[in-house]
Amino acid sequence: MVWFKIDDGFWSHSKVLELSPEAGWLWTRAGAYCANQLTDGKVTPAALRMLAADRDSATELVMAGLWDEHGKGWIFHDWAHYQPTREEVLKERAAATERKRLSRERSRQKSQGESRRDGHGTDVVIPRSPTRPDPTRPDPLSSTPDGIEERDAHALSPFCSKHPQGTDRPCKACGNARIGFEAHKAAEKSKPTPLPRRAAECTEHPGYPLPCHRCAEEAVA
């Protein structure tokens, strides 16, 4: 939005006192139109008709020194001296758009990390460090040098390495070992029982989904 600026003493100026009400109203409406359309104060004959005014009112404004003739139309006298120009308005709009973009960018960066100002007054975003694992809990994804998951290795005993035979005063590591041990037992219990594979040489039940007794014995052997 662009404001059309009118001095609070405009109504009592000597030039305005000589105008008819129609000419004074045309000056006000045409000023708002030029500010809105960024015409730099230019009023065309088509704009004059749109403002429901006639050429007599425009001539009054020219004779009073408030308008100047401009080609086939008119232009406000000293528009750039009192009103913002098209170039100034567009530059300010571009600057406002850039300020909004930078503000959104800073908000996005702050949501991803901590923002601080350096010695030059520039915002510096310090990334947040990733969530650290709880040292009191065993890492289910860590592995031993032998390639065996550490979780499974510790789950074989309900006690920690410091108290392999148990203790009356279990430590926090013992509690973690107990949790892993119970989880291991539950996981083993929930595993489905695998069916023995059919021996290649068995021809008694070709195509049958379950192995016969001979197939089972050969699979176990």
C-alpha atoms as a PDB file:
ATOM      1  CA  MET A   1       0.000   0.000   0.000  1.00  0.00           C
ATOM      2  CA  VAL A   2       1.273   3.474  -0.954  1.00  0.00           C
ATOM      3  CA  TRP A   3       0.023   6.536   0.881  1.00  0.00           C
ATOM      4  CA  PHE A   4      -0.893   9.726  -0.982  1.00  0.00           C
ATOM      5  CA  LYS A   5       0.470  12.502   1.242  1.00  0.00           C
ATOM      6  CA  ILE A   6      -1.569  15.657   1.759  1.00  0.00           C
ATOM      7  CA  ASP A   7      -0.314  18.519   3.896  1.00  0.00           C
ATOM      8  CA  ASP A   8      -2.688  19.435   6.711  1.00  0.00           C
ATOM      9  CA  GLY A   9      -2.623  23.029   5.480  1.00  0.00           C
ATOM     10  CA  PHE A  10      -3.645  22.100   1.941  1.00  0.00           C
ATOM     11  CA  TRP A  11      -7.256  23.154   2.435  1.00  0.00           C
ATOM     12  CA  SER A  12      -6.298  26.744   3.250  1.00  0.00           C
ATOM     13  CA  HIS A  13      -3.636  27.275   0.586  1.00  0.00           C
ATOM     14  CA  SER A  14      -4.231  30.209  -1.721  1.00  0.00           C
ATOM     15  CA  LYS A  15      -4.163  27.970  -4.809  1.00  0.00           C
ATOM     16  CA  VAL A  16      -6.788  25.679  -3.359  1.00  0.00           C
ATOM     17  CA  LEU A  17      -9.099  28.474  -2.242  1.00  0.00           C
ATOM     18  CA  GLU A  18      -9.524  29.465  -5.896  1.00  0.00           C
ATOM     19  CA  LEU A  19     -10.646  25.951  -6.941  1.00  0.00           C
ATOM     20  CA  SER A  20     -14.187  24.761  -7.392  1.00  0.00           C
ATOM     21  CA  PRO A  21     -15.280  21.829  -5.181  1.00  0.00           C
ATOM     22  CA  GLU A  22     -15.171  19.549  -8.258  1.00  0.00           C
ATOM     23  CA  ALA A  23     -11.558  20.492  -9.051  1.00  0.00           C
ATOM     24  CA  GLY A  24     -10.441  20.101  -5.436  1.00  0.00           C
ATOM     25  CA  TRP A  25     -12.080  16.676  -5.220  1.00  0.00           C
ATOM     26  CA  LEU A  26     -10.464  15.665  -8.534  1.00  0.00           C
ATOM     27  CA  TRP A  27      -7.006  16.614  -7.201  1.00  0.00           C
ATOM     28  CA  THR A  28      -7.529  14.417  -4.120  1.00  0.00           C
ATOM     29  CA  ARG A  29      -8.946  11.393  -5.961  1.00  0.00           C
ATOM     30  CA  ALA A  30      -6.378  11.620  -8.769  1.00  0.00           C
ATOM     31  CA  GLY A  31      -3.554  11.734  -6.201  1.00  0.00           C
ATOM     32  CA  ALA A  32      -4.767   8.523  -4.565  1.00  0.00           C
ATOM     33  CA  TYR A  33      -5.124   6.919  -8.008  1.00  0.00           C
ATOM     34  CA  CYS A  34      -1.552   7.864  -9.036  1.00  0.00           C
ATOM     35  CA  ALA A  35      -0.137   6.547  -5.733  1.00  0.00           C
ATOM     36  CA  ASN A  36      -1.987   3.273  -6.092  1.00  0.00           C
ATOM     37  CA  GLN A  37      -1.054   2.739  -9.746  1.00  0.00           C
ATOM     38  CA  LEU A  38       2.517   4.105  -9.421  1.00  0.00           C
ATOM     39  CA  THR A  39       2.080   6.518 -12.334  1.00  0.00           C
ATOM     40  CA  ASP A  40       4.499   9.088 -10.835  1.00  0.00           C
ATOM     41  CA  GLY A  41       1.685  11.656 -10.843  1.00  0.00           C
ATOM     42  CA  LYS A  42       0.587  11.193 -14.471  1.00  0.00           C
ATOM     43  CA  VAL A  43      -3.148  11.372 -15.215  1.00  0.00           C
ATOM     44  CA  THR A  44      -4.343  10.240 -18.644  1.00  0.00           C
ATOM     45  CA  PRO A  45      -7.635  11.260 -20.292  1.00  0.00           C
ATOM     46  CA  ALA A  46      -8.895   7.704 -19.670  1.00  0.00           C
ATOM     47  CA  ALA A  47      -8.075   8.023 -15.965  1.00  0.00           C
ATOM     48  CA  LEU A  48      -9.886  11.366 -15.887  1.00  0.00           C
ATOM     49  CA  ARG A  49     -13.038   9.709 -17.255  1.00  0.00           C
ATOM     50  CA  MET A  50     -12.702   6.862 -14.761  1.00  0.00           C
ATOM     51  CA  LEU A  51     -12.556   9.436 -11.959  1.00  0.00           C
ATOM     52  CA  ALA A  52     -15.830  10.894 -13.241  1.00  0.00           C
ATOM     53  CA  ALA A  53     -14.253  14.298 -13.865  1.00  0.00           C
ATOM     54  CA  ASP A  54     -14.237  16.626 -16.872  1.00  0.00           C
ATOM     55  CA  ARG A  55     -11.546  18.647 -18.632  1.00  0.00           C
ATOM     56  CA  ASP A  56     -12.786  21.881 -17.089  1.00  0.00           C
ATOM     57  CA  SER A  57     -11.725  20.643 -13.636  1.00  0.00           C
ATOM     58  CA  ALA A  58      -8.363  19.545 -15.020  1.00  0.00           C
ATOM     59  CA  THR A  59      -7.899  22.973 -16.612  1.00  0.00           C
ATOM     60  CA  GLU A  60      -8.640  24.615 -13.247  1.00  0.00           C
ATOM     61  CA  LEU A  61      -5.848  22.570 -11.653  1.00  0.00           C
ATOM     62  CA  VAL A  62      -3.441  23.580 -14.416  1.00  0.00           C
ATOM     63  CA  MET A  63      -4.356  27.260 -14.059  1.00  0.00           C
ATOM     64  CA  ALA A  64      -3.880  27.021 -10.268  1.00  0.00           C
ATOM     65  CA  GLY A  65      -0.412  25.534 -10.737  1.00  0.00           C
ATOM     66  CA  LEU A  66      -1.308  22.215  -9.103  1.00  0.00           C
ATOM     67  CA  TRP A  67      -1.152  20.233 -12.360  1.00  0.00           C
ATOM     68  CA  ASP A  68       0.992  20.562 -15.498  1.00  0.00           C
ATOM     69  CA  GLU A  69      -0.001  19.511 -18.972  1.00  0.00           C
ATOM     70  CA  HIS A  70       1.781  16.320 -20.001  1.00  0.00           C
ATOM     71  CA  GLY A  71       1.305  15.094 -23.573  1.00  0.00           C
ATOM     72  CA  LYS A  72      -2.401  14.443 -24.008  1.00  0.00           C
ATOM     73  CA  GLY A  73      -2.899  14.260 -20.265  1.00  0.00           C
ATOM     74  CA  TRP A  74      -1.667  15.917 -17.090  1.00  0.00           C
ATOM     75  CA  ILE A  75       0.865  15.423 -14.302  1.00  0.00           C
ATOM     76  CA  PHE A  76       0.965  16.580 -10.690  1.00  0.00           C
ATOM     77  CA  HIS A  77       3.275  19.542 -10.178  1.00  0.00           C
ATOM     78  CA  ASP A  78       6.477  18.467  -8.339  1.00  0.00           C
ATOM     79  CA  TRP A  79       5.144  14.966  -7.660  1.00  0.00           C
ATOM     80  CA  ALA A  80       8.595  13.513  -6.851  1.00  0.00           C
ATOM     81  CA  HIS A  81       9.246  16.315  -4.375  1.00  0.00           C
ATOM     82  CA  TYR A  82       6.236  15.471  -2.202  1.00  0.00           C
ATOM     83  CA  GLN A  83       5.303  11.870  -3.071  1.00  0.00           C
ATOM     84  CA  PRO A  84       7.272   8.594  -3.350  1.00  0.00           C
ATOM     85  CA  THR A  85       8.211   7.699  -6.921  1.00  0.00           C
ATOM     86  CA  ARG A  86       7.576   4.387  -8.628  1.00  0.00           C
ATOM     87  CA  GLU A  87      11.283   3.507  -8.418  1.00  0.00           C
ATOM     88  CA  GLU A  88      11.411   4.216  -4.681  1.00  0.00           C
ATOM     89  CA  VAL A  89       8.288   2.171  -3.989  1.00  0.00           C
ATOM     90  CA  LEU A  90       9.492  -0.842  -5.968  1.00  0.00           C
ATOM     91  CA  LYS A  91      12.912  -0.681  -4.290  1.00  0.00           C
ATOM     92  CA  GLU A  92      11.314  -0.595  -0.837  1.00  0.00           C
ATOM     93  CA  ARG A  93       9.044  -3.528  -1.738  1.00  0.00           C
ATOM     94  CA  ALA A  94      12.035  -5.562  -2.904  1.00  0.00           C
ATOM     95  CA  ALA A  95      13.880  -4.730   0.336  1.00  0.00           C
ATOM     96  CA  ALA A  96      10.842  -5.778   2.392  1.00  0.00           C
ATOM     97  CA  THR A  97      10.641  -9.068   0.506  1.00  0.00           C
ATOM     98  CA  GLU A  98      14.334  -9.705   1.171  1.00  0.00           C
ATOM     99  CA  ARG A  99      13.902  -8.896   4.880  1.00  0.00           C
ATOM    100  CA  LYS A 100      11.062 -11.399   5.115  1.00  0.00           C
ATOM    101  CA  ARG A 101      13.134 -14.035   3.319  1.00  0.00           C
ATOM    102  CA  LEU A 102      16.064 -13.520   5.687  1.00  0.00           C
ATOM    103  CA  SER A 103      13.727 -13.641   8.672  1.00  0.00           C
ATOM    104  CA  ARG A 104      12.265 -16.965   7.498  1.00  0.00           C
ATOM    105  CA  GLU A 105      15.776 -18.287   6.860  1.00  0.00           C
ATOM    106  CA  ARG A 106      16.914 -17.320  10.364  1.00  0.00           C
ATOM    107  CA  SER A 107      13.826 -18.948  11.850  1.00  0.00           C
ATOM    108  CA  ARG A 108      14.543 -22.137   9.894  1.00  0.00           C
ATOM    109  CA  GLN A 109      18.172 -22.147  11.007  1.00  0.00           C
ATOM    110  CA  LYS A 110      17.243 -21.533  14.634  1.00  0.00           C
ATOM    111  CA  SER A 111      14.894 -24.522  14.492  1.00  0.00           C
ATOM    112  CA  GLN A 112      17.863 -26.657  13.397  1.00  0.00           C
ATOM    113  CA  GLY A 113      20.506 -25.165  15.669  1.00  0.00           C
ATOM    114  CA  GLU A 114      21.478 -22.401  18.035  1.00  0.00           C
ATOM    115  CA  SER A 115      21.923 -18.909  16.550  1.00  0.00           C
ATOM    116  CA  ARG A 116      24.525 -16.533  17.967  1.00  0.00           C
ATOM    117  CA  ARG A 117      26.057 -13.245  16.881  1.00  0.00           C
ATOM    118  CA  ASP A 118      29.763 -13.032  16.224  1.00  0.00           C
ATOM    119  CA  GLY A 119      31.996 -10.020  16.878  1.00  0.00           C
ATOM    120  CA  HIS A 120      30.843  -8.376  13.633  1.00  0.00           C
ATOM    121  CA  GLY A 121      27.143  -8.587  14.486  1.00  0.00           C
ATOM    122  CA  THR A 122      26.492 -11.418  12.033  1.00  0.00           C
ATOM    123  CA  ASP A 123      24.179 -14.285  12.996  1.00  0.00           C
ATOM    124  CA  VAL A 124      26.115 -17.547  13.218  1.00  0.00           C
ATOM    125  CA  VAL A 125      24.161 -20.785  13.559  1.00  0.00           C
ATOM    126  CA  ILE A 126      25.760 -23.494  15.668  1.00  0.00           C
ATOM    127  CA  PRO A 127      24.283 -26.879  14.715  1.00  0.00           C
ATOM    128  CA  ARG A 128      22.787 -28.870  17.517  1.00  0.00           C
ATOM    129  CA  SER A 129      24.802 -31.892  18.476  1.00  0.00           C
ATOM    130  CA  PRO A 130      22.999 -35.184  17.836  1.00  0.00           C
ATOM    131  CA  THR A 131      21.200 -36.824  20.699  1.00  0.00           C
ATOM    132  CA  ARG A 132      23.708 -38.759  22.747  1.00  0.00           C
ATOM    133  CA  PRO A 133      22.888 -42.340  23.733  1.00  0.00           C
ATOM    134  CA  ASP A 134      22.173 -43.071  27.378  1.00  0.00           C
ATOM    135  CA  PRO A 135      25.435 -44.495  28.815  1.00  0.00           C
ATOM    136  CA  THR A 136      23.428 -46.521  31.335  1.00  0.00           C
ATOM    137  CA  ARG A 137      21.795 -48.557  28.569  1.00  0.00           C
ATOM    138  CA  PRO A 138      23.543 -51.046  26.304  1.00  0.00           C
ATOM    139  CA  ASP A 139      23.634 -50.034  22.666  1.00  0.00           C
ATOM    140  CA  PRO A 140      21.551 -52.616  20.778  1.00  0.00           C
ATOM    141  CA  LEU A 141      23.401 -51.899  17.529  1.00  0.00           C
ATOM    142  CA  SER A 142      26.986 -52.060  18.789  1.00  0.00           C
ATOM    143  CA  SER A 143      29.022 -55.175  17.977  1.00  0.00           C
ATOM    144  CA  THR A 144      31.939 -56.969  19.549  1.00  0.00           C
ATOM    145  CA  PRO A 145      35.212 -57.486  17.615  1.00  0.00           C
ATOM    146  CA  ASP A 146      34.135 -61.052  16.894  1.00  0.00           C
ATOM    147  CA  GLY A 147      31.108 -59.809  15.000  1.00  0.00           C
ATOM    148  CA  ILE A 148      28.618 -60.942  17.669  1.00  0.00           C
ATOM    149  CA  GLU A 149      26.123 -58.329  18.712  1.00  0.00           C
ATOM    150  CA  GLU A 150      26.996 -57.023  22.139  1.00  0.00           C
ATOM    151  CA  ARG A 151      23.349 -57.142  23.072  1.00  0.00           C
ATOM    152  CA  ASP A 152      23.215 -60.911  22.540  1.00  0.00           C
ATOM    153  CA  ALA A 153      26.525 -61.436  24.322  1.00  0.00           C
ATOM    154  CA  HIS A 154      25.343 -59.667  27.480  1.00  0.00           C
ATOM    155  CA  ALA A 155      21.848 -61.173  27.259  1.00  0.00           C
ATOM    156  CA  LEU A 156      23.308 -64.606  28.056  1.00  0.00           C
ATOM    157  CA  SER A 157      23.823 -63.577  31.692  1.00  0.00           C
ATOM    158  CA  PRO A 158      21.492 -61.733  34.054  1.00  0.00           C
ATOM    159  CA  PHE A 159      24.523 -60.159  35.790  1.00  0.00           C
ATOM    160  CA  CYS A 160      27.101 -57.611  34.736  1.00  0.00           C
ATOM    161  CA  SER A 161      30.759 -58.387  34.098  1.00  0.00           C
ATOM    162  CA  LYS A 162      31.740 -57.078  37.542  1.00  0.00           C
ATOM    163  CA  HIS A 163      29.338 -59.465  39.318  1.00  0.00           C
ATOM    164  CA  PRO A 164      29.242 -62.582  37.124  1.00  0.00           C
ATOM    165  CA  GLN A 165      28.028 -64.749  40.036  1.00  0.00           C
ATOM    166  CA  GLY A 166      25.422 -62.262  41.200  1.00  0.00           C
ATOM    167  CA  THR A 167      25.367 -59.916  44.182  1.00  0.00           C
ATOM    168  CA  ASP A 168      23.096 -58.885  47.036  1.00  0.00           C
ATOM    169  CA  ARG A 169      23.564 -55.270  46.028  1.00  0.00           C
ATOM    170  CA  PRO A 170      23.121 -55.200  42.261  1.00  0.00           C
ATOM    171  CA  CYS A 171      24.556 -52.192  40.472  1.00  0.00           C
ATOM    172  CA  LYS A 172      22.992 -50.267  37.609  1.00  0.00           C
ATOM    173  CA  ALA A 173      24.880 -52.407  35.085  1.00  0.00           C
ATOM    174  CA  CYS A 174      23.332 -55.493  36.665  1.00  0.00           C
ATOM    175  CA  GLY A 175      19.906 -54.005  36.113  1.00  0.00           C
ATOM    176  CA  ASN A 176      20.707 -53.387  32.466  1.00  0.00           C
ATOM    177  CA  ALA A 177      22.038 -56.928  32.117  1.00  0.00           C
ATOM    178  CA  ARG A 178      18.842 -58.306  33.658  1.00  0.00           C
ATOM    179  CA  ILE A 179      16.734 -56.304  31.180  1.00  0.00           C
ATOM    180  CA  GLY A 180      18.824 -57.612  28.275  1.00  0.00           C
ATOM    181  CA  PHE A 181      18.654 -61.173  29.608  1.00  0.00           C
ATOM    182  CA  GLU A 182      14.856 -61.103  29.896  1.00  0.00           C
ATOM    183  CA  ALA A 183      14.536 -59.535  26.444  1.00  0.00           C
ATOM    184  CA  HIS A 184      16.780 -62.260  25.001  1.00  0.00           C
ATOM    185  CA  LYS A 185      14.669 -64.991  26.610  1.00  0.00           C
ATOM    186  CA  ALA A 186      11.460 -63.458  25.320  1.00  0.00           C
ATOM    187  CA  ALA A 187      12.894 -63.120  21.816  1.00  0.00           C
ATOM    188  CA  GLU A 188      14.076 -66.739  21.777  1.00  0.00           C
ATOM    189  CA  LYS A 189      10.726 -67.934  23.055  1.00  0.00           C
ATOM    190  CA  SER A 190       8.830 -66.036  20.368  1.00  0.00           C
ATOM    191  CA  LYS A 191      10.880 -67.500  17.517  1.00  0.00           C
ATOM    192  CA  PRO A 192       8.945 -70.040  15.428  1.00  0.00           C
ATOM    193  CA  THR A 193      10.221 -73.613  15.451  1.00  0.00           C
ATOM    194  CA  PRO A 194      11.931 -74.253  12.117  1.00  0.00           C
ATOM    195  CA  LEU A 195      10.924 -77.290  10.125  1.00  0.00           C
ATOM    196  CA  PRO A 196      13.721 -79.687   9.170  1.00  0.00           C
ATOM    197  CA  ARG A 197      14.701 -79.458   5.542  1.00  0.00           C
ATOM    198  CA  ARG A 198      13.774 -82.317   3.272  1.00  0.00           C
ATOM    199  CA  ALA A 199      16.644 -84.500   2.162  1.00  0.00           C
ATOM    200  CA  ALA A 200      17.337 -84.314  -1.537  1.00  0.00           C
ATOM    201  CA  GLU A 201      17.317 -88.109  -1.948  1.00  0.00           C
ATOM    202  CA  CYS A 202      13.860 -88.614  -0.379  1.00  0.00           C
ATOM    203  CA  THR A 203      11.255 -89.468  -3.008  1.00  0.00           C
ATOM    204  CA  GLU A 204       8.457 -90.794  -0.774  1.00  0.00           C
ATOM    205  CA  HIS A 205       6.563 -87.517  -0.564  1.00  0.00           C
ATOM    206  CA  PRO A 206       7.509 -85.371  -3.524  1.00  0.00           C
ATOM    207  CA  GLY A 207       5.826 -81.981  -3.404  1.00  0.00           C
ATOM    208  CA  TYR A 208       4.307 -82.525   0.071  1.00  0.00           C
ATOM    209  CA  PRO A 209       4.804 -79.421   2.247  1.00  0.00           C
ATOM    210  CA  LEU A 210       5.816 -81.303   5.456  1.00  0.00           C
ATOM    211  CA  PRO A 211       8.752 -83.752   5.667  1.00  0.00           C
ATOM    212  CA  CYS A 212       8.162 -87.380   6.331  1.00  0.00           C
ATOM    213  CA  HIS A 213       9.801 -89.245   9.225  1.00  0.00           C
ATOM    214  CA  ARG A 214      12.783 -90.234   7.107  1.00  0.00           C
ATOM    215  CA  CYS A 215      13.255 -86.619   5.950  1.00  0.00           C
ATOM    216  CA  ALA A 216      13.261 -85.422   9.563  1.00  0.00           C
ATOM    217  CA  GLU A 217      15.796 -88.026  10.671  1.00  0.00           C
ATOM    218  CA  GLU A 218      18.125 -87.187   7.804  1.00  0.00           C
ATOM    219  CA  ALA A 219      17.807 -83.464   8.489  1.00  0.00           C
ATOM    220  CA  VAL A 220      18.733 -83.949  12.146  1.00  0.00           C
ATOM    221  CA  ALA A 221      21.626 -86.270  11.277  1.00  0.00           C
END
